[in-house]
Amino acid sequence: MRQIFPVILCGGSGTRLWPRSRAVKPKPFLPLVGDTTLFEATLGR
């Protein structure tokens, strides 16, 4: 059986990932786990 890893993207000031996450490159477009971004992983599903 294939594992599903849920990800909940929430609003807020986003200070924990600053300076990596900024207005020009928000968290869904950062490669946080591996080489793909959360956005790319979502498109691949």
Foldseek 3Di string as FASTA:
>chain_A
DDDDDDDDDDDDPPPVPPPVADPVAHQQRDPPDPDHGVVVVVVVD
